[in-house]
C-alpha atoms as a PDB file:
ATOM      1  CA  UNK A   1       7.160  14.499 -11.370  1.00  0.00           C
ATOM      2  CA  UNK A   2       8.990  11.500  -9.933  1.00  0.00           C
ATOM      3  CA  UNK A   3      12.432  12.585  -8.766  1.00  0.00           C
ATOM      4  CA  UNK A   4      12.070  16.261  -7.999  1.00  0.00           C
ATOM      5  CA  UNK A   5      15.486  17.784  -8.464  1.00  0.00           C
ATOM      6  CA  UNK A   6      15.035  21.463  -9.134  1.00  0.00           C
ATOM      7  CA  UNK A   7      13.799  22.937  -5.870  1.00  0.00           C
ATOM      8  CA  UNK A   8      15.372  25.867  -4.062  1.00  0.00           C
ATOM      9  CA  UNK A   9      15.705  28.209  -6.991  1.00  0.00           C
ATOM     10  CA  UNK A  10      15.188  25.332  -9.441  1.00  0.00           C
ATOM     11  CA  UNK A  11      18.842  24.365  -9.316  1.00  0.00           C
ATOM     12  CA  UNK A  12      19.614  20.722  -9.979  1.00  0.00           C
ATOM     13  CA  UNK A  13      20.589  18.975  -6.763  1.00  0.00           C
ATOM     14  CA  UNK A  14      20.943  15.356  -5.716  1.00  0.00           C
ATOM     15  CA  UNK A  15      18.360  13.629  -3.550  1.00  0.00           C
ATOM     16  CA  UNK A  16      20.596  13.656  -0.472  1.00  0.00           C
ATOM     17  CA  UNK A  17      21.215  17.392  -0.763  1.00  0.00           C
ATOM     18  CA  UNK A  18      17.559  18.105  -1.435  1.00  0.00           C
ATOM     19  CA  UNK A  19      16.569  15.989   1.571  1.00  0.00           C
ATOM     20  CA  UNK A  20      18.976  17.923   3.788  1.00  0.00           C
ATOM     21  CA  UNK A  21      17.665  21.268   2.552  1.00  0.00           C
ATOM     22  CA  UNK A  22      14.052  20.301   3.153  1.00  0.00           C
ATOM     23  CA  UNK A  23      14.881  19.199   6.684  1.00  0.00           C
ATOM     24  CA  UNK A  24      16.594  22.531   7.260  1.00  0.00           C
ATOM     25  CA  UNK A  25      13.466  24.349   6.048  1.00  0.00           C
ATOM     26  CA  UNK A  26      11.161  22.594   8.498  1.00  0.00           C
ATOM     27  CA  UNK A  27      13.651  22.771  11.326  1.00  0.00           C
ATOM     28  CA  UNK A  28      13.805  26.535  10.909  1.00  0.00           C
ATOM     29  CA  UNK A  29      10.032  27.083  10.852  1.00  0.00           C
ATOM     30  CA  UNK A  30       8.964  24.454  13.432  1.00  0.00           C
ATOM     31  CA  UNK A  31       8.097  26.851  16.307  1.00  0.00           C
ATOM     32  CA  UNK A  32       5.819  28.954  14.111  1.00  0.00           C
ATOM     33  CA  UNK A  33       4.712  26.376  11.558  1.00  0.00           C
ATOM     34  CA  UNK A  34       1.136  25.935  12.795  1.00  0.00           C
ATOM     35  CA  UNK A  35       0.697  29.683  13.282  1.00  0.00           C
ATOM     36  CA  UNK A  36       1.836  30.261   9.703  1.00  0.00           C
ATOM     37  CA  UNK A  37      -0.617  27.635   8.455  1.00  0.00           C
ATOM     38  CA  UNK A  38      -3.426  29.469  10.231  1.00  0.00           C
ATOM     39  CA  UNK A  39      -2.378  32.810   8.795  1.00  0.00           C
ATOM     40  CA  UNK A  40      -1.747  31.597   5.245  1.00  0.00           C
ATOM     41  CA  UNK A  41      -5.058  29.719   4.996  1.00  0.00           C
ATOM     42  CA  UNK A  42      -7.123  31.997   7.275  1.00  0.00           C
ATOM     43  CA  UNK A  43      -7.615  28.913   9.433  1.00  0.00           C
ATOM     44  CA  UNK A  44      -9.254  26.918   6.651  1.00  0.00           C
ATOM     45  CA  UNK A  45      -6.549  24.213   6.761  1.00  0.00           C
ATOM     46  CA  UNK A  46      -8.159  23.027  10.010  1.00  0.00           C
ATOM     47  CA  UNK A  47     -11.434  22.384   8.161  1.00  0.00           C
ATOM     48  CA  UNK A  48      -9.552  20.525   5.428  1.00  0.00           C
ATOM     49  CA  UNK A  49      -7.837  18.322   8.011  1.00  0.00           C
ATOM     50  CA  UNK A  50     -11.148  17.691   9.738  1.00  0.00           C
ATOM     51  CA  UNK A  51     -12.556  16.479   6.432  1.00  0.00           C
ATOM     52  CA  UNK A  52      -9.487  14.297   6.005  1.00  0.00           C
ATOM     53  CA  UNK A  53     -10.008  12.695   9.422  1.00  0.00           C
ATOM     54  CA  UNK A  54     -13.619  11.902   8.467  1.00  0.00           C
ATOM     55  CA  UNK A  55     -12.450  10.387   5.180  1.00  0.00           C
ATOM     56  CA  UNK A  56     -10.221   8.050   7.199  1.00  0.00           C
ATOM     57  CA  UNK A  57     -13.339   6.199   8.332  1.00  0.00           C
ATOM     58  CA  UNK A  58     -13.841   3.874  11.284  1.00  0.00           C
ATOM     59  CA  UNK A  59     -12.883   0.357  12.281  1.00  0.00           C
ATOM     60  CA  UNK A  60      -9.102   0.740  12.217  1.00  0.00           C
ATOM     61  CA  UNK A  61      -6.677   0.258  15.095  1.00  0.00           C
ATOM     62  CA  UNK A  62      -3.268   1.432  13.864  1.00  0.00           C
ATOM     63  CA  UNK A  63      -2.805   4.607  11.857  1.00  0.00           C
ATOM     64  CA  UNK A  64       0.369   6.264  10.652  1.00  0.00           C
ATOM     65  CA  UNK A  65       0.282   9.990   9.976  1.00  0.00           C
ATOM     66  CA  UNK A  66       3.176  10.426   7.585  1.00  0.00           C
ATOM     67  CA  UNK A  67       4.948  13.800   7.623  1.00  0.00           C
ATOM     68  CA  UNK A  68       2.751  14.442  10.651  1.00  0.00           C
ATOM     69  CA  UNK A  69       4.854  17.327  11.953  1.00  0.00           C
ATOM     70  CA  UNK A  70       3.449  18.702  15.193  1.00  0.00           C
ATOM     71  CA  UNK A  71       0.657  16.134  15.301  1.00  0.00           C
ATOM     72  CA  UNK A  72      -2.409  18.218  14.452  1.00  0.00           C
ATOM     73  CA  UNK A  73      -3.871  15.494  12.212  1.00  0.00           C
ATOM     74  CA  UNK A  74      -2.883  12.753  14.660  1.00  0.00           C
ATOM     75  CA  UNK A  75      -4.855  14.508  17.397  1.00  0.00           C
ATOM     76  CA  UNK A  76      -7.947  14.418  15.197  1.00  0.00           C
ATOM     77  CA  UNK A  77      -7.508  10.683  14.637  1.00  0.00           C
ATOM     78  CA  UNK A  78      -6.687   9.721  18.228  1.00  0.00           C
ATOM     79  CA  UNK A  79      -9.397   7.963  20.240  1.00  0.00           C
ATOM     80  CA  UNK A  80      -9.673   5.161  22.810  1.00  0.00           C
ATOM     81  CA  UNK A  81      -8.747   1.823  21.288  1.00  0.00           C
ATOM     82  CA  UNK A  82      -6.652   3.405  18.561  1.00  0.00           C
ATOM     83  CA  UNK A  83      -2.904   3.721  18.132  1.00  0.00           C
ATOM     84  CA  UNK A  84      -1.714   6.695  16.080  1.00  0.00           C
ATOM     85  CA  UNK A  85       1.935   7.099  15.091  1.00  0.00           C
ATOM     86  CA  UNK A  86       3.311  10.386  13.804  1.00  0.00           C
ATOM     87  CA  UNK A  87       6.127   9.550  11.375  1.00  0.00           C
ATOM     88  CA  UNK A  88       8.196  12.534  10.278  1.00  0.00           C
ATOM     89  CA  UNK A  89      11.855  13.119   9.350  1.00  0.00           C
ATOM     90  CA  UNK A  90      11.881  16.423  11.264  1.00  0.00           C
ATOM     91  CA  UNK A  91      12.796  15.947  14.909  1.00  0.00           C
ATOM     92  CA  UNK A  92      12.236  19.635  15.650  1.00  0.00           C
ATOM     93  CA  UNK A  93       8.684  19.481  14.324  1.00  0.00           C
ATOM     94  CA  UNK A  94       7.867  16.393  16.387  1.00  0.00           C
ATOM     95  CA  UNK A  95       9.516  17.841  19.487  1.00  0.00           C
ATOM     96  CA  UNK A  96       7.285  20.887  19.107  1.00  0.00           C
ATOM     97  CA  UNK A  97       4.269  18.594  18.933  1.00  0.00           C
ATOM     98  CA  UNK A  98       5.372  16.646  22.008  1.00  0.00           C
ATOM     99  CA  UNK A  99       5.878  19.877  23.915  1.00  0.00           C
ATOM    100  CA  UNK A 100       2.352  21.032  23.153  1.00  0.00           C
ATOM    101  CA  UNK A 101       0.841  17.693  24.143  1.00  0.00           C
ATOM    102  CA  UNK A 102       2.802  17.340  27.381  1.00  0.00           C
ATOM    103  CA  UNK A 103       0.729  15.751  30.115  1.00  0.00           C
ATOM    104  CA  UNK A 104      -1.913  14.430  27.715  1.00  0.00           C
ATOM    105  CA  UNK A 105      -2.518  10.699  27.462  1.00  0.00           C
ATOM    106  CA  UNK A 106      -3.805  10.805  23.902  1.00  0.00           C
ATOM    107  CA  UNK A 107      -2.383   7.597  22.472  1.00  0.00           C
ATOM    108  CA  UNK A 108      -0.072   9.361  20.002  1.00  0.00           C
ATOM    109  CA  UNK A 109       3.424   8.008  19.372  1.00  0.00           C
ATOM    110  CA  UNK A 110       6.294   9.729  17.567  1.00  0.00           C
ATOM    111  CA  UNK A 111       8.758   8.047  15.227  1.00  0.00           C
ATOM    112  CA  UNK A 112      11.398   9.478  12.890  1.00  0.00           C
ATOM    113  CA  UNK A 113      11.100   8.230   9.335  1.00  0.00           C
ATOM    114  CA  UNK A 114      10.941   9.183   5.659  1.00  0.00           C
ATOM    115  CA  UNK A 115       8.294   8.480   3.054  1.00  0.00           C
ATOM    116  CA  UNK A 116      10.742   6.625   0.811  1.00  0.00           C
ATOM    117  CA  UNK A 117      11.848   4.275   3.633  1.00  0.00           C
ATOM    118  CA  UNK A 118       9.028   3.818   6.104  1.00  0.00           C
ATOM    119  CA  UNK A 119      10.061   2.163   9.404  1.00  0.00           C
ATOM    120  CA  UNK A 120       7.120  -0.265   9.494  1.00  0.00           C
ATOM    121  CA  UNK A 121       6.738  -3.938   8.641  1.00  0.00           C
ATOM    122  CA  UNK A 122       4.952  -5.142   5.528  1.00  0.00           C
ATOM    123  CA  UNK A 123       1.139  -5.163   5.796  1.00  0.00           C
ATOM    124  CA  UNK A 124       1.189  -3.846   9.374  1.00  0.00           C
ATOM    125  CA  UNK A 125      -0.791  -0.576   9.137  1.00  0.00           C
ATOM    126  CA  UNK A 126      -4.574  -0.150   8.874  1.00  0.00           C
ATOM    127  CA  UNK A 127      -4.600   3.515   7.821  1.00  0.00           C
ATOM    128  CA  UNK A 128      -1.949   5.866   6.473  1.00  0.00           C
ATOM    129  CA  UNK A 129      -2.642   9.586   6.229  1.00  0.00           C
ATOM    130  CA  UNK A 130      -0.443  12.376   4.940  1.00  0.00           C
ATOM    131  CA  UNK A 131      -1.291  16.083   4.867  1.00  0.00           C
ATOM    132  CA  UNK A 132       0.838  18.440   2.785  1.00  0.00           C
ATOM    133  CA  UNK A 133       3.869  16.174   3.006  1.00  0.00           C
ATOM    134  CA  UNK A 134       4.222  14.017  -0.106  1.00  0.00           C
ATOM    135  CA  UNK A 135       5.306  16.939  -2.268  1.00  0.00           C
ATOM    136  CA  UNK A 136       8.527  16.993  -0.219  1.00  0.00           C
ATOM    137  CA  UNK A 137       9.396  13.384  -1.066  1.00  0.00           C
ATOM    138  CA  UNK A 138      12.443  12.952  -3.278  1.00  0.00           C
ATOM    139  CA  UNK A 139      10.509  10.311  -5.241  1.00  0.00           C
ATOM    140  CA  UNK A 140       6.716  10.154  -5.302  1.00  0.00           C
ATOM    141  CA  UNK A 141       6.860   6.744  -6.943  1.00  0.00           C
ATOM    142  CA  UNK A 142       9.026   5.320  -4.157  1.00  0.00           C
ATOM    143  CA  UNK A 143       6.884   6.958  -1.468  1.00  0.00           C
ATOM    144  CA  UNK A 144       3.642   5.523  -2.848  1.00  0.00           C
ATOM    145  CA  UNK A 145       5.239   2.092  -3.149  1.00  0.00           C
ATOM    146  CA  UNK A 146       6.228   2.287   0.508  1.00  0.00           C
ATOM    147  CA  UNK A 147       2.743   3.368   1.535  1.00  0.00           C
ATOM    148  CA  UNK A 148       1.266   0.363  -0.249  1.00  0.00           C
ATOM    149  CA  UNK A 149       3.886  -1.966   1.251  1.00  0.00           C
ATOM    150  CA  UNK A 150       3.107  -1.083   4.866  1.00  0.00           C
ATOM    151  CA  UNK A 151      -0.691  -1.094   4.482  1.00  0.00           C
ATOM    152  CA  UNK A 152      -2.479  -4.334   5.195  1.00  0.00           C
ATOM    153  CA  UNK A 153      -4.835  -5.703   2.497  1.00  0.00           C
ATOM    154  CA  UNK A 154      -7.890  -3.471   2.701  1.00  0.00           C
ATOM    155  CA  UNK A 155      -5.885  -0.755   4.429  1.00  0.00           C
ATOM    156  CA  UNK A 156      -6.699   2.829   3.539  1.00  0.00           C
ATOM    157  CA  UNK A 157      -4.531   5.651   2.198  1.00  0.00           C
ATOM    158  CA  UNK A 158      -5.777   9.237   2.595  1.00  0.00           C
ATOM    159  CA  UNK A 159      -3.777  12.208   1.322  1.00  0.00           C
ATOM    160  CA  UNK A 160      -4.498  15.922   1.610  1.00  0.00           C
ATOM    161  CA  UNK A 161      -2.341  18.038  -0.669  1.00  0.00           C
ATOM    162  CA  UNK A 162      -2.355  21.407  -2.365  1.00  0.00           C
ATOM    163  CA  UNK A 163      -3.528  21.155  -5.955  1.00  0.00           C
ATOM    164  CA  UNK A 164      -4.814  23.265  -8.869  1.00  0.00           C
ATOM    165  CA  UNK A 165      -7.574  25.802  -8.160  1.00  0.00           C
ATOM    166  CA  UNK A 166     -10.464  26.242 -10.559  1.00  0.00           C
ATOM    167  CA  UNK A 167      -9.656  28.488 -13.527  1.00  0.00           C
ATOM    168  CA  UNK A 168     -11.419  31.587 -12.183  1.00  0.00           C
ATOM    169  CA  UNK A 169      -9.562  31.405  -8.867  1.00  0.00           C
ATOM    170  CA  UNK A 170      -6.111  30.468 -10.201  1.00  0.00           C
ATOM    171  CA  UNK A 171      -4.840  34.001 -11.076  1.00  0.00           C
ATOM    172  CA  UNK A 172      -5.770  35.391  -7.653  1.00  0.00           C
ATOM    173  CA  UNK A 173      -4.315  32.368  -5.888  1.00  0.00           C
ATOM    174  CA  UNK A 174      -1.050  32.713  -7.804  1.00  0.00           C
ATOM    175  CA  UNK A 175      -0.714  36.363  -6.815  1.00  0.00           C
ATOM    176  CA  UNK A 176      -1.403  35.519  -3.193  1.00  0.00           C
ATOM    177  CA  UNK A 177       1.039  32.600  -3.203  1.00  0.00           C
ATOM    178  CA  UNK A 178       3.995  34.381  -4.760  1.00  0.00           C
ATOM    179  CA  UNK A 179       3.520  37.850  -3.283  1.00  0.00           C
ATOM    180  CA  UNK A 180       1.898  37.412   0.129  1.00  0.00           C
ATOM    181  CA  UNK A 181       3.053  34.061   1.511  1.00  0.00           C
ATOM    182  CA  UNK A 182       6.834  34.727   1.349  1.00  0.00           C
ATOM    183  CA  UNK A 183       6.256  38.113   3.008  1.00  0.00           C
ATOM    184  CA  UNK A 184       4.253  36.435   5.759  1.00  0.00           C
ATOM    185  CA  UNK A 185       7.118  33.986   6.127  1.00  0.00           C
ATOM    186  CA  UNK A 186       9.520  36.869   6.564  1.00  0.00           C
ATOM    187  CA  UNK A 187       7.358  38.775   9.031  1.00  0.00           C
ATOM    188  CA  UNK A 188       6.080  35.923  11.196  1.00  0.00           C
ATOM    189  CA  UNK A 189       8.430  32.956  10.794  1.00  0.00           C
ATOM    190  CA  UNK A 190      11.459  35.062   9.825  1.00  0.00           C
ATOM    191  CA  UNK A 191      12.144  32.540   7.049  1.00  0.00           C
ATOM    192  CA  UNK A 192      11.090  33.998   3.663  1.00  0.00           C
ATOM    193  CA  UNK A 193      13.232  31.534   1.702  1.00  0.00           C
ATOM    194  CA  UNK A 194      11.533  28.598   3.404  1.00  0.00           C
ATOM    195  CA  UNK A 195       8.094  29.783   2.372  1.00  0.00           C
ATOM    196  CA  UNK A 196       9.274  30.580  -1.141  1.00  0.00           C
ATOM    197  CA  UNK A 197      10.327  26.935  -1.360  1.00  0.00           C
ATOM    198  CA  UNK A 198       6.944  25.790  -0.059  1.00  0.00           C
ATOM    199  CA  UNK A 199       5.136  27.842  -2.715  1.00  0.00           C
ATOM    200  CA  UNK A 200       7.365  26.415  -5.455  1.00  0.00           C
ATOM    201  CA  UNK A 201       6.877  22.862  -4.218  1.00  0.00           C
ATOM    202  CA  UNK A 202       3.095  23.271  -4.516  1.00  0.00           C
ATOM    203  CA  UNK A 203       3.438  24.256  -8.172  1.00  0.00           C
ATOM    204  CA  UNK A 204       5.610  21.229  -8.885  1.00  0.00           C
ATOM    205  CA  UNK A 205       3.206  18.652  -7.452  1.00  0.00           C
ATOM    206  CA  UNK A 206       0.914  16.822  -9.937  1.00  0.00           C
ATOM    207  CA  UNK A 207      -2.611  18.131 -10.429  1.00  0.00           C
ATOM    208  CA  UNK A 208      -5.681  16.270  -9.186  1.00  0.00           C
ATOM    209  CA  UNK A 209      -5.994  13.767 -12.006  1.00  0.00           C
ATOM    210  CA  UNK A 210      -2.253  13.367 -12.401  1.00  0.00           C
ATOM    211  CA  UNK A 211      -1.745  12.364  -8.772  1.00  0.00           C
ATOM    212  CA  UNK A 212      -4.800  10.077  -8.818  1.00  0.00           C
ATOM    213  CA  UNK A 213      -3.258   8.297 -11.811  1.00  0.00           C
ATOM    214  CA  UNK A 214      -0.006   7.857  -9.868  1.00  0.00           C
ATOM    215  CA  UNK A 215      -1.908   6.340  -6.941  1.00  0.00           C
ATOM    216  CA  UNK A 216      -3.596   3.853  -9.294  1.00  0.00           C
ATOM    217  CA  UNK A 217      -0.292   2.995 -10.949  1.00  0.00           C
ATOM    218  CA  UNK A 218       1.179   2.305  -7.495  1.00  0.00           C
ATOM    219  CA  UNK A 219      -1.355  -0.513  -7.089  1.00  0.00           C
ATOM    220  CA  UNK A 220      -4.208   1.068  -5.150  1.00  0.00           C
ATOM    221  CA  UNK A 221      -7.876   0.374  -5.771  1.00  0.00           C
ATOM    222  CA  UNK A 222     -10.994   2.493  -5.228  1.00  0.00           C
ATOM    223  CA  UNK A 223      -8.937   5.617  -5.996  1.00  0.00           C
ATOM    224  CA  UNK A 224     -10.912   8.832  -5.517  1.00  0.00           C
ATOM    225  CA  UNK A 225     -10.265  12.537  -5.246  1.00  0.00           C
ATOM    226  CA  UNK A 226     -12.312  15.504  -4.102  1.00  0.00           C
ATOM    227  CA  UNK A 227     -11.509  19.203  -4.348  1.00  0.00           C
ATOM    228  CA  UNK A 228     -11.706  21.354  -1.235  1.00  0.00           C
ATOM    229  CA  UNK A 229     -11.895  25.140  -1.383  1.00  0.00           C
ATOM    230  CA  UNK A 230     -12.361  25.113  -5.171  1.00  0.00           C
ATOM    231  CA  UNK A 231      -9.255  23.016  -5.808  1.00  0.00           C
ATOM    232  CA  UNK A 232      -6.754  24.932  -3.685  1.00  0.00           C
ATOM    233  CA  UNK A 233      -6.341  21.572  -1.984  1.00  0.00           C
ATOM    234  CA  UNK A 234      -7.510  18.082  -2.801  1.00  0.00           C
ATOM    235  CA  UNK A 235      -8.400  14.986  -0.791  1.00  0.00           C
ATOM    236  CA  UNK A 236      -7.146  11.753  -2.357  1.00  0.00           C
ATOM    237  CA  UNK A 237      -7.886   8.244  -1.141  1.00  0.00           C
ATOM    238  CA  UNK A 238      -7.342   4.637  -2.100  1.00  0.00           C
ATOM    239  CA  UNK A 239      -7.120   1.143  -0.645  1.00  0.00           C
ATOM    240  CA  UNK A 240      -4.659  -1.704  -0.850  1.00  0.00           C
ATOM    241  CA  UNK A 241      -6.934  -4.278  -2.370  1.00  0.00           C
ATOM    242  CA  UNK A 242      -4.709  -7.341  -2.702  1.00  0.00           C
ATOM    243  CA  UNK A 243      -2.292  -9.306  -0.576  1.00  0.00           C
END
């Protein structure tokens, strides 16, 4: 699952082309992205992200929310004495988030950047979160290496990502994913192809144990994972234990 090269109809494409296509997807859906998340998950994604913010813990000063989009996770993390940076390659998504937060002094900053080349110094970040974004990386191995590089020793990594539902739920979830979500994308976001890609990208991401193994192999300690909503999504965490 390292270099994902068969998205968009499972045709083989290079990383640069895949990166451009993914950016086009999120650019197209930016104005209705959060609405679609509410509709697709019946609002449950907000509970998942709340659990993710709690998993982030206390005592940190600088957090990066990677692939932070419109800033919904960043707003949960923001508090006096904290600095939260949304880092996302999609300018349209971040502009949408800025527009919604206009006039609010919430301590959130916005910075363009990609998971495989994070624009932060070595060992400079206390906490890095990412919700539903790593599956769009061209290389999970490179992205995890970058996450570890920018975290300070003892810094925390928390990832929320779609995963594999429990066996009794999987058939119903598959029907919903492949039949309902693209139709919602057509009706609400007017981008059925974009949501077909998103469904396919979920299926291509490693399962719970597989991704936890990748996090360990990237050099993280105290690696844990916890299913939410019977495995539809999963919370992963780990720490950079050494210097």
